[in-house]
Amino acid sequence: MKVAVSIPDSLYEAADQLARQRGLDRSALYARALSRFLADEDGDVLTDMINATCAETGREDLAELASADLLDSGSWEW
């Protein structure tokens, strides 16, 4: 799909330079950047849901315990 967006000249130039350095066309660079941004935003939604659940149960330590368990068990991939 073709999309027209307006961005500052300096951002365009930096993105264009990075695309050349990485051997990508601008469309591929922008698609990759947008995909990463959306994935980060989804992570924030999950974090918000966990925090809300912890607040509802009155167990503020649940999020910390859950993350520690994931790290200790090795089931979390970086």
Protein backbone atom coordinates (compact mmCIF):
# COMPACT_ATOMS: atom_id res chain seq x y z
CA MET A 1 0.00 0.00 0.00
CA LYS A 2 1.28 3.45 -0.77
CA VAL A 3 1.03 6.08 1.95
CA ALA A 4 2.03 9.74 1.94
CA VAL A 5 3.22 11.21 5.23
CA SER A 6 4.89 14.44 6.23
CA ILE A 7 8.02 14.28 8.36
CA PRO A 8 10.69 16.85 9.21
CA ASP A 9 13.49 17.18 6.65
CA SER A 10 16.11 16.20 9.22
CA LEU A 11 14.27 12.96 10.03
CA TYR A 12 13.90 12.16 6.34
CA GLU A 13 17.62 12.74 5.72
CA ALA A 14 18.66 10.63 8.72
CA ALA A 15 16.34 7.80 7.64
CA ASP A 16 17.57 8.01 4.05
CA GLN A 17 21.19 7.80 5.22
CA LEU A 18 20.46 4.83 7.49
CA ALA A 19 18.61 3.03 4.70
CA ARG A 20 21.62 3.43 2.39
CA GLN A 21 23.99 2.21 5.12
CA ARG A 22 21.86 -0.87 5.74
CA GLY A 23 21.23 -1.59 2.06
CA LEU A 24 17.48 -1.04 2.42
CA ASP A 25 15.10 1.05 0.43
CA ARG A 26 13.20 3.71 2.35
CA SER A 27 9.96 1.74 2.25
CA ALA A 28 11.61 -1.26 3.92
CA LEU A 29 13.21 0.97 6.56
CA TYR A 30 9.93 2.73 7.36
CA ALA A 31 8.04 -0.58 7.47
CA ARG A 32 10.61 -2.04 9.86
CA ALA A 33 10.53 1.05 12.09
CA LEU A 34 6.74 1.11 12.21
CA SER A 35 6.59 -2.61 12.98
CA ARG A 36 8.97 -2.16 15.89
CA PHE A 37 7.03 0.84 17.18
CA LEU A 38 3.76 -1.09 17.07
CA ALA A 39 5.35 -4.06 18.85
CA ASP A 40 6.64 -1.73 21.57
CA GLU A 41 3.20 -0.21 21.97
CA ASP A 42 1.64 -3.68 22.30
CA GLY A 43 4.14 -4.39 25.07
CA ASP A 44 2.99 -1.27 26.87
CA VAL A 45 -0.60 -2.48 26.68
CA LEU A 46 0.38 -5.80 28.24
CA THR A 47 2.31 -4.03 30.98
CA ASP A 48 -0.69 -1.79 31.67
CA MET A 49 -2.96 -4.84 31.93
CA ILE A 50 -0.58 -6.55 34.37
CA ASN A 51 -0.30 -3.41 36.47
CA ALA A 52 -4.09 -2.99 36.53
CA THR A 53 -4.54 -6.59 37.67
CA CYS A 54 -1.96 -6.13 40.42
CA ALA A 55 -3.69 -2.96 41.58
CA GLU A 56 -7.10 -4.69 41.61
CA THR A 57 -5.83 -7.58 43.71
CA GLY A 58 -3.90 -5.37 46.08
CA ARG A 59 -0.76 -7.33 45.33
CA GLU A 60 1.69 -4.77 43.98
CA ASP A 61 4.48 -7.37 44.18
CA LEU A 62 2.90 -9.74 41.63
CA ALA A 63 4.45 -8.08 38.58
CA GLU A 64 7.91 -8.19 40.14
CA LEU A 65 7.44 -11.81 41.16
CA ALA A 66 6.18 -12.79 37.71
CA SER A 67 9.10 -11.16 35.91
CA ALA A 68 11.60 -12.70 38.34
CA ASP A 69 10.04 -16.13 37.79
CA LEU A 70 10.27 -15.76 34.00
CA LEU A 71 13.92 -14.76 34.21
CA ASP A 72 14.81 -17.50 36.69
CA SER A 73 13.05 -20.22 34.74
CA GLY A 74 14.79 -19.35 31.49
CA SER A 75 11.46 -19.26 29.69
CA TRP A 76 11.93 -15.66 28.63
CA GLU A 77 13.93 -15.00 25.45
CA TRP A 78 15.70 -11.70 24.87
